[in-house]
């Protein structure tokens, strides 16, 4: 009995500080409103994911605060990234859904980057899904394979030079020598989809989950063809038989460059918060996000929406970014050269 009493006392002593911290977090959040910013306009994949996640996430936060969604589009979520880094409160009441390429932009673009932060500076909350980016082409374009683009031009739509819809096709163009004409200036998914429907452009780089969320009928009726996956390894979400773009590279060095640039696809729906959050609130946000990813009601809703959930935790996101920012300098310089050449 004495041993059991000792253990009980030890556990109580060990748990008390944790309980106190949990109470402090609950006291802070009780009655407050948290803002989840979305780096794109409403209606696209980022928007659908974020609004669904926060509906369930708020019940997993201590103190049951309200979470509202606010769209802050601009520069492929660079506007939002800089807002989170420099303007948003650092008290755990603001976080955001950003383009995955944003976290790597300072690494890939160096001094040219418009980011007022590095990816490793920010607080990583969690990532909802790993989803390969794919290069699609309208059936009407006549392009049926990546090999066709060595002789036939494909006009593709992009948002801004800081986003994956621009940087990924630019990498294909410069590393593989493909005939891709990239037109920037499309604010978001709705505008790009309209441009495709009107024949204004012929293709786009899209992540599989975003494509399924926004235009699932295009996959069903064959409106678009998926030419290649832009990822370090094959994604089960892509249709069988879709090749990896890296397999078209002429040598191992070119494959390494493409793999580095495609790192962003490992974080297809990242959620980040400002730097310098109180550790216990950062942990509360991470825990609530992770609990949401395991919530049966949330998973049922995502299944109803036909959206995948394949999460990455905040700590694992941090690890990936730290490893990326520690890549050998010669490889980083080669990546920057590839992405600086707009052809």
C-alpha atoms as a PDB file:
ATOM      1  CA  UNK A   1       0.000   0.000   0.000  1.00  0.00           C
ATOM      2  CA  UNK A   2       2.806   2.359   0.890  1.00  0.00           C
ATOM      3  CA  UNK A   3       4.328   1.806  -2.571  1.00  0.00           C
ATOM      4  CA  UNK A   4       1.003   2.421  -4.264  1.00  0.00           C
ATOM      5  CA  UNK A   5       0.547   5.592  -2.194  1.00  0.00           C
ATOM      6  CA  UNK A   6       4.023   6.737  -3.180  1.00  0.00           C
ATOM      7  CA  UNK A   7       3.312   6.141  -6.856  1.00  0.00           C
ATOM      8  CA  UNK A   8      -0.001   7.949  -6.614  1.00  0.00           C
ATOM      9  CA  UNK A   9       1.713  10.872  -4.988  1.00  0.00           C
ATOM     10  CA  UNK A  10       4.464  10.900  -7.604  1.00  0.00           C
ATOM     11  CA  UNK A  11       1.931  10.829 -10.437  1.00  0.00           C
ATOM     12  CA  UNK A  12      -0.069  13.595  -8.820  1.00  0.00           C
ATOM     13  CA  UNK A  13       3.073  15.681  -8.416  1.00  0.00           C
ATOM     14  CA  UNK A  14       4.057  15.067 -12.044  1.00  0.00           C
ATOM     15  CA  UNK A  15       0.588  15.796 -13.389  1.00  0.00           C
ATOM     16  CA  UNK A  16      -0.155  18.894 -11.321  1.00  0.00           C
ATOM     17  CA  UNK A  17       1.973  21.317 -13.387  1.00  0.00           C
ATOM     18  CA  UNK A  18       0.434  19.911 -16.574  1.00  0.00           C
ATOM     19  CA  UNK A  19      -3.042  20.353 -15.166  1.00  0.00           C
ATOM     20  CA  UNK A  20      -2.195  23.870 -14.094  1.00  0.00           C
ATOM     21  CA  UNK A  21      -0.917  24.711 -17.564  1.00  0.00           C
ATOM     22  CA  UNK A  22      -4.027  23.183 -19.153  1.00  0.00           C
ATOM     23  CA  UNK A  23      -6.190  25.275 -16.836  1.00  0.00           C
ATOM     24  CA  UNK A  24      -4.237  28.388 -17.802  1.00  0.00           C
ATOM     25  CA  UNK A  25      -4.745  27.660 -21.485  1.00  0.00           C
ATOM     26  CA  UNK A  26      -8.450  27.040 -20.938  1.00  0.00           C
ATOM     27  CA  UNK A  27      -8.757  30.257 -18.944  1.00  0.00           C
ATOM     28  CA  UNK A  28      -7.035  32.194 -21.730  1.00  0.00           C
ATOM     29  CA  UNK A  29      -9.176  30.796 -24.540  1.00  0.00           C
ATOM     30  CA  UNK A  30     -12.512  30.812 -22.743  1.00  0.00           C
ATOM     31  CA  UNK A  31     -14.789  33.378 -24.373  1.00  0.00           C
ATOM     32  CA  UNK A  32     -12.226  34.320 -27.033  1.00  0.00           C
ATOM     33  CA  UNK A  33     -12.409  34.170 -30.804  1.00  0.00           C
ATOM     34  CA  UNK A  34      -9.574  32.674 -32.823  1.00  0.00           C
ATOM     35  CA  UNK A  35      -9.121  33.728 -36.440  1.00  0.00           C
ATOM     36  CA  UNK A  36      -8.114  31.155 -39.027  1.00  0.00           C
ATOM     37  CA  UNK A  37      -6.941  33.128 -42.045  1.00  0.00           C
ATOM     38  CA  UNK A  38      -7.099  31.470 -45.465  1.00  0.00           C
ATOM     39  CA  UNK A  39      -4.579  32.628 -48.039  1.00  0.00           C
ATOM     40  CA  UNK A  40      -6.984  32.300 -50.940  1.00  0.00           C
ATOM     41  CA  UNK A  41     -10.468  33.428 -51.918  1.00  0.00           C
ATOM     42  CA  UNK A  42     -13.477  31.324 -51.025  1.00  0.00           C
ATOM     43  CA  UNK A  43     -14.479  28.285 -53.033  1.00  0.00           C
ATOM     44  CA  UNK A  44     -11.150  26.583 -53.657  1.00  0.00           C
ATOM     45  CA  UNK A  45      -9.462  23.601 -52.042  1.00  0.00           C
ATOM     46  CA  UNK A  46      -7.653  25.604 -49.350  1.00  0.00           C
ATOM     47  CA  UNK A  47     -10.931  27.238 -48.377  1.00  0.00           C
ATOM     48  CA  UNK A  48     -12.938  24.001 -48.240  1.00  0.00           C
ATOM     49  CA  UNK A  49     -10.318  22.239 -46.145  1.00  0.00           C
ATOM     50  CA  UNK A  50      -9.845  25.107 -43.702  1.00  0.00           C
ATOM     51  CA  UNK A  51     -13.524  25.810 -43.099  1.00  0.00           C
ATOM     52  CA  UNK A  52     -14.225  22.128 -42.514  1.00  0.00           C
ATOM     53  CA  UNK A  53     -11.278  21.712 -40.141  1.00  0.00           C
ATOM     54  CA  UNK A  54     -12.086  24.685 -37.925  1.00  0.00           C
ATOM     55  CA  UNK A  55     -15.705  23.562 -37.467  1.00  0.00           C
ATOM     56  CA  UNK A  56     -14.387  20.527 -35.603  1.00  0.00           C
ATOM     57  CA  UNK A  57     -11.139  21.919 -34.231  1.00  0.00           C
ATOM     58  CA  UNK A  58     -12.762  24.405 -31.873  1.00  0.00           C
ATOM     59  CA  UNK A  59     -14.343  21.643 -29.769  1.00  0.00           C
ATOM     60  CA  UNK A  60     -10.877  20.176 -29.117  1.00  0.00           C
ATOM     61  CA  UNK A  61      -9.386  23.402 -27.762  1.00  0.00           C
ATOM     62  CA  UNK A  62      -9.333  24.052 -23.991  1.00  0.00           C
ATOM     63  CA  UNK A  63     -11.878  26.708 -23.077  1.00  0.00           C
ATOM     64  CA  UNK A  64     -13.933  26.014 -26.261  1.00  0.00           C
ATOM     65  CA  UNK A  65     -13.166  29.287 -28.042  1.00  0.00           C
ATOM     66  CA  UNK A  66     -14.937  30.217 -31.245  1.00  0.00           C
ATOM     67  CA  UNK A  67     -12.895  29.915 -34.479  1.00  0.00           C
ATOM     68  CA  UNK A  68     -13.834  32.041 -37.464  1.00  0.00           C
ATOM     69  CA  UNK A  69     -12.511  31.891 -41.028  1.00  0.00           C
ATOM     70  CA  UNK A  70     -11.254  35.027 -42.783  1.00  0.00           C
ATOM     71  CA  UNK A  71     -10.055  34.913 -46.377  1.00  0.00           C
ATOM     72  CA  UNK A  72      -6.896  36.932 -47.035  1.00  0.00           C
ATOM     73  CA  UNK A  73      -5.925  36.215 -50.649  1.00  0.00           C
ATOM     74  CA  UNK A  74      -2.893  37.692 -52.330  1.00  0.00           C
ATOM     75  CA  UNK A  75       0.394  36.617 -53.947  1.00  0.00           C
ATOM     76  CA  UNK A  76      -0.222  32.884 -53.488  1.00  0.00           C
ATOM     77  CA  UNK A  77      -0.723  33.438 -49.729  1.00  0.00           C
ATOM     78  CA  UNK A  78       2.452  35.539 -49.371  1.00  0.00           C
ATOM     79  CA  UNK A  79       0.214  38.374 -48.166  1.00  0.00           C
ATOM     80  CA  UNK A  80      -1.098  36.123 -45.409  1.00  0.00           C
ATOM     81  CA  UNK A  81       2.326  34.722 -44.558  1.00  0.00           C
ATOM     82  CA  UNK A  82       3.766  38.187 -44.021  1.00  0.00           C
ATOM     83  CA  UNK A  83       0.669  39.191 -42.034  1.00  0.00           C
ATOM     84  CA  UNK A  84       1.120  36.222 -39.705  1.00  0.00           C
ATOM     85  CA  UNK A  85       4.833  36.937 -39.373  1.00  0.00           C
ATOM     86  CA  UNK A  86       4.633  40.681 -38.751  1.00  0.00           C
ATOM     87  CA  UNK A  87       1.114  41.836 -37.883  1.00  0.00           C
ATOM     88  CA  UNK A  88      -1.042  39.084 -36.387  1.00  0.00           C
ATOM     89  CA  UNK A  89      -1.141  38.693 -32.582  1.00  0.00           C
ATOM     90  CA  UNK A  90       1.364  36.231 -31.162  1.00  0.00           C
ATOM     91  CA  UNK A  91      -0.883  35.038 -28.376  1.00  0.00           C
ATOM     92  CA  UNK A  92      -2.463  31.963 -29.980  1.00  0.00           C
ATOM     93  CA  UNK A  93      -5.550  33.687 -31.400  1.00  0.00           C
ATOM     94  CA  UNK A  94      -4.427  33.664 -35.037  1.00  0.00           C
ATOM     95  CA  UNK A  95      -3.241  31.011 -37.445  1.00  0.00           C
ATOM     96  CA  UNK A  96      -3.631  30.407 -41.152  1.00  0.00           C
ATOM     97  CA  UNK A  97      -3.862  28.081 -44.131  1.00  0.00           C
ATOM     98  CA  UNK A  98      -1.097  28.921 -46.593  1.00  0.00           C
ATOM     99  CA  UNK A  99       0.346  27.648 -49.848  1.00  0.00           C
ATOM    100  CA  UNK A 100       2.903  24.983 -49.058  1.00  0.00           C
ATOM    101  CA  UNK A 101       5.473  26.590 -51.359  1.00  0.00           C
ATOM    102  CA  UNK A 102       5.365  29.674 -49.148  1.00  0.00           C
ATOM    103  CA  UNK A 103       7.280  27.849 -46.420  1.00  0.00           C
ATOM    104  CA  UNK A 104      10.121  27.154 -48.861  1.00  0.00           C
ATOM    105  CA  UNK A 105      10.093  30.457 -50.775  1.00  0.00           C
ATOM    106  CA  UNK A 106      12.960  32.091 -48.805  1.00  0.00           C
ATOM    107  CA  UNK A 107      15.060  28.972 -49.397  1.00  0.00           C
ATOM    108  CA  UNK A 108      14.265  28.705 -53.106  1.00  0.00           C
ATOM    109  CA  UNK A 109      14.398  32.408 -53.976  1.00  0.00           C
ATOM    110  CA  UNK A 110      17.017  33.656 -51.518  1.00  0.00           C
ATOM    111  CA  UNK A 111      17.398  37.453 -51.517  1.00  0.00           C
ATOM    112  CA  UNK A 112      14.678  37.745 -54.182  1.00  0.00           C
ATOM    113  CA  UNK A 113      12.035  36.333 -51.828  1.00  0.00           C
ATOM    114  CA  UNK A 114       9.302  38.714 -50.718  1.00  0.00           C
ATOM    115  CA  UNK A 115       8.784  36.710 -47.524  1.00  0.00           C
ATOM    116  CA  UNK A 116       9.447  38.574 -44.295  1.00  0.00           C
ATOM    117  CA  UNK A 117      10.243  35.291 -42.551  1.00  0.00           C
ATOM    118  CA  UNK A 118      11.712  31.869 -43.209  1.00  0.00           C
ATOM    119  CA  UNK A 119       9.597  28.752 -43.014  1.00  0.00           C
ATOM    120  CA  UNK A 120      11.434  27.602 -39.916  1.00  0.00           C
ATOM    121  CA  UNK A 121      10.579  30.880 -38.123  1.00  0.00           C
ATOM    122  CA  UNK A 122       6.861  30.216 -38.052  1.00  0.00           C
ATOM    123  CA  UNK A 123       4.913  28.035 -35.629  1.00  0.00           C
ATOM    124  CA  UNK A 124       3.898  24.820 -37.352  1.00  0.00           C
ATOM    125  CA  UNK A 125       0.403  23.725 -36.283  1.00  0.00           C
ATOM    126  CA  UNK A 126      -0.163  20.768 -38.607  1.00  0.00           C
ATOM    127  CA  UNK A 127      -0.734  19.656 -42.173  1.00  0.00           C
ATOM    128  CA  UNK A 128      -3.995  18.055 -43.263  1.00  0.00           C
ATOM    129  CA  UNK A 129      -2.898  16.015 -46.250  1.00  0.00           C
ATOM    130  CA  UNK A 130       0.088  14.911 -48.277  1.00  0.00           C
ATOM    131  CA  UNK A 131      -0.985  15.315 -51.881  1.00  0.00           C
ATOM    132  CA  UNK A 132       1.096  15.179 -55.019  1.00  0.00           C
ATOM    133  CA  UNK A 133       0.952  18.153 -57.302  1.00  0.00           C
ATOM    134  CA  UNK A 134       0.003  17.129 -60.810  1.00  0.00           C
ATOM    135  CA  UNK A 135       0.320  18.782 -64.184  1.00  0.00           C
ATOM    136  CA  UNK A 136      -3.013  18.646 -65.990  1.00  0.00           C
ATOM    137  CA  UNK A 137      -3.898  19.445 -69.584  1.00  0.00           C
ATOM    138  CA  UNK A 138      -7.281  19.924 -71.181  1.00  0.00           C
ATOM    139  CA  UNK A 139      -8.202  17.046 -73.446  1.00  0.00           C
ATOM    140  CA  UNK A 140      -8.825  19.638 -76.147  1.00  0.00           C
ATOM    141  CA  UNK A 141      -5.155  20.705 -76.026  1.00  0.00           C
ATOM    142  CA  UNK A 142      -4.108  17.501 -77.728  1.00  0.00           C
ATOM    143  CA  UNK A 143      -1.355  16.958 -75.165  1.00  0.00           C
ATOM    144  CA  UNK A 144      -1.522  13.390 -73.892  1.00  0.00           C
ATOM    145  CA  UNK A 145       1.824  12.931 -72.140  1.00  0.00           C
ATOM    146  CA  UNK A 146       4.765  14.808 -70.669  1.00  0.00           C
ATOM    147  CA  UNK A 147       6.823  13.650 -73.633  1.00  0.00           C
ATOM    148  CA  UNK A 148       4.501  15.594 -75.954  1.00  0.00           C
ATOM    149  CA  UNK A 149       5.657  18.822 -74.276  1.00  0.00           C
ATOM    150  CA  UNK A 150       9.119  18.457 -75.750  1.00  0.00           C
ATOM    151  CA  UNK A 151       7.624  19.492 -79.101  1.00  0.00           C
ATOM    152  CA  UNK A 152       4.172  20.914 -78.302  1.00  0.00           C
ATOM    153  CA  UNK A 153       3.477  23.998 -76.171  1.00  0.00           C
ATOM    154  CA  UNK A 154       1.023  23.991 -73.264  1.00  0.00           C
ATOM    155  CA  UNK A 155      -0.263  27.311 -71.907  1.00  0.00           C
ATOM    156  CA  UNK A 156      -0.648  26.974 -68.134  1.00  0.00           C
ATOM    157  CA  UNK A 157      -2.262  29.247 -65.555  1.00  0.00           C
ATOM    158  CA  UNK A 158      -0.565  30.409 -62.355  1.00  0.00           C
ATOM    159  CA  UNK A 159      -1.289  32.810 -59.549  1.00  0.00           C
ATOM    160  CA  UNK A 160       1.986  34.579 -58.792  1.00  0.00           C
ATOM    161  CA  UNK A 161       5.701  33.746 -59.061  1.00  0.00           C
ATOM    162  CA  UNK A 162       5.790  32.877 -55.337  1.00  0.00           C
ATOM    163  CA  UNK A 163       3.324  29.989 -55.530  1.00  0.00           C
ATOM    164  CA  UNK A 164       3.500  26.339 -56.504  1.00  0.00           C
ATOM    165  CA  UNK A 165       1.338  26.875 -59.602  1.00  0.00           C
ATOM    166  CA  UNK A 166       4.228  28.921 -61.018  1.00  0.00           C
ATOM    167  CA  UNK A 167       7.389  27.492 -59.470  1.00  0.00           C
ATOM    168  CA  UNK A 168       6.617  23.840 -60.171  1.00  0.00           C
ATOM    169  CA  UNK A 169       5.915  24.215 -63.909  1.00  0.00           C
ATOM    170  CA  UNK A 170       8.912  26.563 -64.164  1.00  0.00           C
ATOM    171  CA  UNK A 171      11.072  23.790 -62.729  1.00  0.00           C
ATOM    172  CA  UNK A 172       9.694  21.331 -65.290  1.00  0.00           C
ATOM    173  CA  UNK A 173      10.317  23.819 -68.062  1.00  0.00           C
ATOM    174  CA  UNK A 174      13.915  24.503 -67.104  1.00  0.00           C
ATOM    175  CA  UNK A 175      15.036  21.093 -65.857  1.00  0.00           C
ATOM    176  CA  UNK A 176      13.257  18.885 -68.389  1.00  0.00           C
ATOM    177  CA  UNK A 177      13.224  21.315 -71.318  1.00  0.00           C
ATOM    178  CA  UNK A 178       9.448  21.250 -71.716  1.00  0.00           C
ATOM    179  CA  UNK A 179       7.461  23.761 -73.731  1.00  0.00           C
ATOM    180  CA  UNK A 180       5.393  25.336 -70.979  1.00  0.00           C
ATOM    181  CA  UNK A 181       4.104  28.883 -71.292  1.00  0.00           C
ATOM    182  CA  UNK A 182       3.142  30.103 -67.813  1.00  0.00           C
ATOM    183  CA  UNK A 183       0.590  32.902 -67.521  1.00  0.00           C
ATOM    184  CA  UNK A 184       0.391  34.535 -64.086  1.00  0.00           C
ATOM    185  CA  UNK A 185      -2.247  36.802 -62.566  1.00  0.00           C
ATOM    186  CA  UNK A 186      -5.044  34.360 -61.700  1.00  0.00           C
ATOM    187  CA  UNK A 187      -6.072  35.046 -58.074  1.00  0.00           C
ATOM    188  CA  UNK A 188      -7.318  31.575 -57.237  1.00  0.00           C
ATOM    189  CA  UNK A 189      -8.970  28.333 -58.218  1.00  0.00           C
ATOM    190  CA  UNK A 190     -12.244  29.809 -59.440  1.00  0.00           C
ATOM    191  CA  UNK A 191     -10.512  32.155 -61.853  1.00  0.00           C
ATOM    192  CA  UNK A 192      -8.202  29.435 -63.167  1.00  0.00           C
ATOM    193  CA  UNK A 193     -11.087  27.015 -63.631  1.00  0.00           C
ATOM    194  CA  UNK A 194     -13.010  29.655 -65.574  1.00  0.00           C
ATOM    195  CA  UNK A 195      -9.957  30.331 -67.760  1.00  0.00           C
ATOM    196  CA  UNK A 196      -9.666  26.623 -68.497  1.00  0.00           C
ATOM    197  CA  UNK A 197     -13.359  26.335 -69.283  1.00  0.00           C
ATOM    198  CA  UNK A 198     -13.113  29.310 -71.653  1.00  0.00           C
ATOM    199  CA  UNK A 199     -10.030  27.940 -73.393  1.00  0.00           C
ATOM    200  CA  UNK A 200      -7.982  30.930 -72.255  1.00  0.00           C
ATOM    201  CA  UNK A 201      -5.356  28.496 -70.930  1.00  0.00           C
ATOM    202  CA  UNK A 202      -4.826  24.788 -71.495  1.00  0.00           C
ATOM    203  CA  UNK A 203      -3.376  23.474 -68.263  1.00  0.00           C
ATOM    204  CA  UNK A 204      -2.348  24.011 -64.690  1.00  0.00           C
ATOM    205  CA  UNK A 205      -0.345  22.533 -61.850  1.00  0.00           C
ATOM    206  CA  UNK A 206      -2.873  21.474 -59.202  1.00  0.00           C
ATOM    207  CA  UNK A 207      -2.676  19.307 -56.131  1.00  0.00           C
ATOM    208  CA  UNK A 208      -4.800  16.179 -56.398  1.00  0.00           C
ATOM    209  CA  UNK A 209      -6.987  16.963 -53.406  1.00  0.00           C
ATOM    210  CA  UNK A 210      -7.591  20.526 -54.589  1.00  0.00           C
ATOM    211  CA  UNK A 211      -8.582  19.241 -58.016  1.00  0.00           C
ATOM    212  CA  UNK A 212     -10.950  16.683 -56.511  1.00  0.00           C
ATOM    213  CA  UNK A 213     -12.451  19.320 -54.222  1.00  0.00           C
ATOM    214  CA  UNK A 214     -12.987  21.933 -56.922  1.00  0.00           C
ATOM    215  CA  UNK A 215     -13.646  20.090 -60.175  1.00  0.00           C
ATOM    216  CA  UNK A 216     -14.208  16.367 -59.506  1.00  0.00           C
ATOM    217  CA  UNK A 217     -16.331  16.071 -62.647  1.00  0.00           C
ATOM    218  CA  UNK A 218     -13.310  16.891 -64.810  1.00  0.00           C
ATOM    219  CA  UNK A 219     -11.685  13.676 -63.665  1.00  0.00           C
ATOM    220  CA  UNK A 220     -14.856  11.662 -64.168  1.00  0.00           C
ATOM    221  CA  UNK A 221     -15.692  12.905 -67.660  1.00  0.00           C
ATOM    222  CA  UNK A 222     -12.145  13.164 -69.025  1.00  0.00           C
ATOM    223  CA  UNK A 223     -12.153  16.959 -69.459  1.00  0.00           C
ATOM    224  CA  UNK A 224      -8.532  16.958 -68.283  1.00  0.00           C
ATOM    225  CA  UNK A 225      -5.625  14.553 -68.530  1.00  0.00           C
ATOM    226  CA  UNK A 226      -3.101  14.175 -65.742  1.00  0.00           C
ATOM    227  CA  UNK A 227       0.316  14.235 -67.385  1.00  0.00           C
ATOM    228  CA  UNK A 228       2.638  13.743 -64.418  1.00  0.00           C
ATOM    229  CA  UNK A 229       3.032  13.832 -60.659  1.00  0.00           C
ATOM    230  CA  UNK A 230       5.321  16.532 -59.332  1.00  0.00           C
ATOM    231  CA  UNK A 231       6.503  14.867 -56.154  1.00  0.00           C
ATOM    232  CA  UNK A 232       9.574  13.092 -54.759  1.00  0.00           C
ATOM    233  CA  UNK A 233       7.619   9.824 -54.709  1.00  0.00           C
ATOM    234  CA  UNK A 234       4.352   8.501 -56.097  1.00  0.00           C
ATOM    235  CA  UNK A 235       1.175   9.512 -54.279  1.00  0.00           C
ATOM    236  CA  UNK A 236      -1.604   6.962 -53.913  1.00  0.00           C
ATOM    237  CA  UNK A 237      -4.154   9.752 -54.458  1.00  0.00           C
ATOM    238  CA  UNK A 238      -3.064  10.087 -58.086  1.00  0.00           C
ATOM    239  CA  UNK A 239      -4.641   7.743 -60.639  1.00  0.00           C
ATOM    240  CA  UNK A 240      -2.645   4.576 -61.344  1.00  0.00           C
ATOM    241  CA  UNK A 241      -0.108   4.873 -64.104  1.00  0.00           C
ATOM    242  CA  UNK A 242       0.536   8.620 -63.816  1.00  0.00           C
ATOM    243  CA  UNK A 243       4.342   8.938 -64.039  1.00  0.00           C
ATOM    244  CA  UNK A 244       6.604  10.989 -61.794  1.00  0.00           C
ATOM    245  CA  UNK A 245       8.090  14.001 -63.528  1.00  0.00           C
ATOM    246  CA  UNK A 246      11.477  13.191 -61.956  1.00  0.00           C
ATOM    247  CA  UNK A 247      11.610   9.993 -64.013  1.00  0.00           C
ATOM    248  CA  UNK A 248      11.962  12.132 -67.162  1.00  0.00           C
ATOM    249  CA  UNK A 249      15.129  13.823 -65.830  1.00  0.00           C
ATOM    250  CA  UNK A 250      18.321  13.216 -67.783  1.00  0.00           C
ATOM    251  CA  UNK A 251      20.560  12.538 -64.758  1.00  0.00           C
ATOM    252  CA  UNK A 252      20.622  12.139 -60.982  1.00  0.00           C
ATOM    253  CA  UNK A 253      21.546  15.784 -60.382  1.00  0.00           C
ATOM    254  CA  UNK A 254      18.427  16.930 -62.216  1.00  0.00           C
ATOM    255  CA  UNK A 255      16.335  14.460 -60.220  1.00  0.00           C
ATOM    256  CA  UNK A 256      17.713  15.892 -56.956  1.00  0.00           C
ATOM    257  CA  UNK A 257      16.815  19.421 -58.049  1.00  0.00           C
ATOM    258  CA  UNK A 258      13.251  18.385 -58.879  1.00  0.00           C
ATOM    259  CA  UNK A 259      12.949  16.474 -55.603  1.00  0.00           C
ATOM    260  CA  UNK A 260      13.959  19.553 -53.606  1.00  0.00           C
ATOM    261  CA  UNK A 261      11.551  21.841 -55.467  1.00  0.00           C
ATOM    262  CA  UNK A 262       8.766  19.272 -55.020  1.00  0.00           C
ATOM    263  CA  UNK A 263       9.305  19.075 -51.234  1.00  0.00           C
ATOM    264  CA  UNK A 264       6.340  21.418 -50.837  1.00  0.00           C
ATOM    265  CA  UNK A 265       3.983  18.659 -52.011  1.00  0.00           C
ATOM    266  CA  UNK A 266       4.667  16.807 -48.749  1.00  0.00           C
ATOM    267  CA  UNK A 267       2.748  19.609 -47.027  1.00  0.00           C
ATOM    268  CA  UNK A 268      -0.216  20.153 -49.314  1.00  0.00           C
ATOM    269  CA  UNK A 269      -2.469  21.825 -46.705  1.00  0.00           C
ATOM    270  CA  UNK A 270      -0.239  23.398 -44.031  1.00  0.00           C
ATOM    271  CA  UNK A 271      -1.510  25.431 -41.078  1.00  0.00           C
ATOM    272  CA  UNK A 272       0.896  27.835 -39.447  1.00  0.00           C
ATOM    273  CA  UNK A 273       0.832  30.470 -36.737  1.00  0.00           C
ATOM    274  CA  UNK A 274       3.033  33.482 -35.998  1.00  0.00           C
ATOM    275  CA  UNK A 275       6.457  32.952 -34.465  1.00  0.00           C
ATOM    276  CA  UNK A 276       6.954  33.274 -30.733  1.00  0.00           C
ATOM    277  CA  UNK A 277       3.655  31.858 -29.476  1.00  0.00           C
ATOM    278  CA  UNK A 278       3.525  30.955 -25.789  1.00  0.00           C
ATOM    279  CA  UNK A 279       4.601  27.289 -25.867  1.00  0.00           C
ATOM    280  CA  UNK A 280       1.539  25.984 -24.021  1.00  0.00           C
ATOM    281  CA  UNK A 281      -0.834  27.695 -26.482  1.00  0.00           C
ATOM    282  CA  UNK A 282       1.143  26.519 -29.486  1.00  0.00           C
ATOM    283  CA  UNK A 283       0.868  23.003 -28.090  1.00  0.00           C
ATOM    284  CA  UNK A 284      -2.857  23.432 -27.494  1.00  0.00           C
ATOM    285  CA  UNK A 285      -3.381  24.433 -31.132  1.00  0.00           C
ATOM    286  CA  UNK A 286      -1.289  21.488 -32.309  1.00  0.00           C
ATOM    287  CA  UNK A 287      -3.135  19.070 -30.054  1.00  0.00           C
ATOM    288  CA  UNK A 288      -6.525  20.382 -31.196  1.00  0.00           C
ATOM    289  CA  UNK A 289      -5.507  20.093 -34.846  1.00  0.00           C
ATOM    290  CA  UNK A 290      -4.268  16.536 -34.355  1.00  0.00           C
ATOM    291  CA  UNK A 291      -7.383  15.555 -32.412  1.00  0.00           C
ATOM    292  CA  UNK A 292      -9.455  16.910 -35.295  1.00  0.00           C
ATOM    293  CA  UNK A 293      -7.515  14.740 -37.751  1.00  0.00           C
ATOM    294  CA  UNK A 294      -8.597  11.722 -35.655  1.00  0.00           C
ATOM    295  CA  UNK A 295     -12.152  12.880 -34.956  1.00  0.00           C
ATOM    296  CA  UNK A 296     -14.638  10.306 -36.375  1.00  0.00           C
ATOM    297  CA  UNK A 297     -17.206  13.000 -37.167  1.00  0.00           C
ATOM    298  CA  UNK A 298     -14.609  15.074 -39.006  1.00  0.00           C
ATOM    299  CA  UNK A 299     -13.389  12.045 -40.958  1.00  0.00           C
ATOM    300  CA  UNK A 300     -16.961  11.189 -41.917  1.00  0.00           C
ATOM    301  CA  UNK A 301     -17.509  14.726 -43.159  1.00  0.00           C
ATOM    302  CA  UNK A 302     -14.304  14.635 -45.202  1.00  0.00           C
ATOM    303  CA  UNK A 303     -15.354  11.323 -46.698  1.00  0.00           C
ATOM    304  CA  UNK A 304     -18.679  12.874 -47.635  1.00  0.00           C
ATOM    305  CA  UNK A 305     -16.784  15.711 -49.340  1.00  0.00           C
ATOM    306  CA  UNK A 306     -14.499  13.137 -50.997  1.00  0.00           C
ATOM    307  CA  UNK A 307     -11.417  14.791 -49.515  1.00  0.00           C
ATOM    308  CA  UNK A 308      -8.451  12.844 -48.207  1.00  0.00           C
ATOM    309  CA  UNK A 309      -6.938  13.206 -44.750  1.00  0.00           C
ATOM    310  CA  UNK A 310      -3.282  12.210 -44.449  1.00  0.00           C
ATOM    311  CA  UNK A 311      -1.944  14.482 -41.704  1.00  0.00           C
ATOM    312  CA  UNK A 312       1.539  15.563 -40.696  1.00  0.00           C
ATOM    313  CA  UNK A 313       2.076  16.811 -37.154  1.00  0.00           C
ATOM    314  CA  UNK A 314       3.490  20.218 -36.280  1.00  0.00           C
ATOM    315  CA  UNK A 315       6.777  18.767 -34.958  1.00  0.00           C
ATOM    316  CA  UNK A 316       7.222  16.677 -38.117  1.00  0.00           C
ATOM    317  CA  UNK A 317       6.610  19.787 -40.228  1.00  0.00           C
ATOM    318  CA  UNK A 318       9.317  21.574 -38.235  1.00  0.00           C
ATOM    319  CA  UNK A 319      11.711  18.692 -38.829  1.00  0.00           C
ATOM    320  CA  UNK A 320      11.083  18.706 -42.583  1.00  0.00           C
ATOM    321  CA  UNK A 321      11.662  22.454 -42.818  1.00  0.00           C
ATOM    322  CA  UNK A 322      14.840  22.358 -40.738  1.00  0.00           C
ATOM    323  CA  UNK A 323      16.217  19.607 -42.953  1.00  0.00           C
ATOM    324  CA  UNK A 324      15.300  21.569 -46.083  1.00  0.00           C
ATOM    325  CA  UNK A 325      16.946  24.765 -44.855  1.00  0.00           C
ATOM    326  CA  UNK A 326      20.074  22.735 -44.041  1.00  0.00           C
ATOM    327  CA  UNK A 327      20.478  21.315 -47.566  1.00  0.00           C
ATOM    328  CA  UNK A 328      23.976  21.613 -49.097  1.00  0.00           C
ATOM    329  CA  UNK A 329      24.630  25.079 -50.438  1.00  0.00           C
ATOM    330  CA  UNK A 330      25.612  23.936 -53.983  1.00  0.00           C
ATOM    331  CA  UNK A 331      22.264  22.131 -54.341  1.00  0.00           C
ATOM    332  CA  UNK A 332      20.367  25.161 -53.014  1.00  0.00           C
ATOM    333  CA  UNK A 333      22.190  27.424 -55.473  1.00  0.00           C
ATOM    334  CA  UNK A 334      21.301  25.082 -58.358  1.00  0.00           C
ATOM    335  CA  UNK A 335      17.635  25.158 -57.302  1.00  0.00           C
ATOM    336  CA  UNK A 336      17.706  28.959 -57.152  1.00  0.00           C
ATOM    337  CA  UNK A 337      19.281  29.130 -60.605  1.00  0.00           C
ATOM    338  CA  UNK A 338      16.578  26.881 -62.043  1.00  0.00           C
ATOM    339  CA  UNK A 339      13.799  28.977 -60.513  1.00  0.00           C
ATOM    340  CA  UNK A 340      15.416  32.292 -61.463  1.00  0.00           C
ATOM    341  CA  UNK A 341      15.497  31.458 -65.156  1.00  0.00           C
ATOM    342  CA  UNK A 342      12.089  32.423 -66.454  1.00  0.00           C
ATOM    343  CA  UNK A 343      13.029  31.424 -69.966  1.00  0.00           C
END
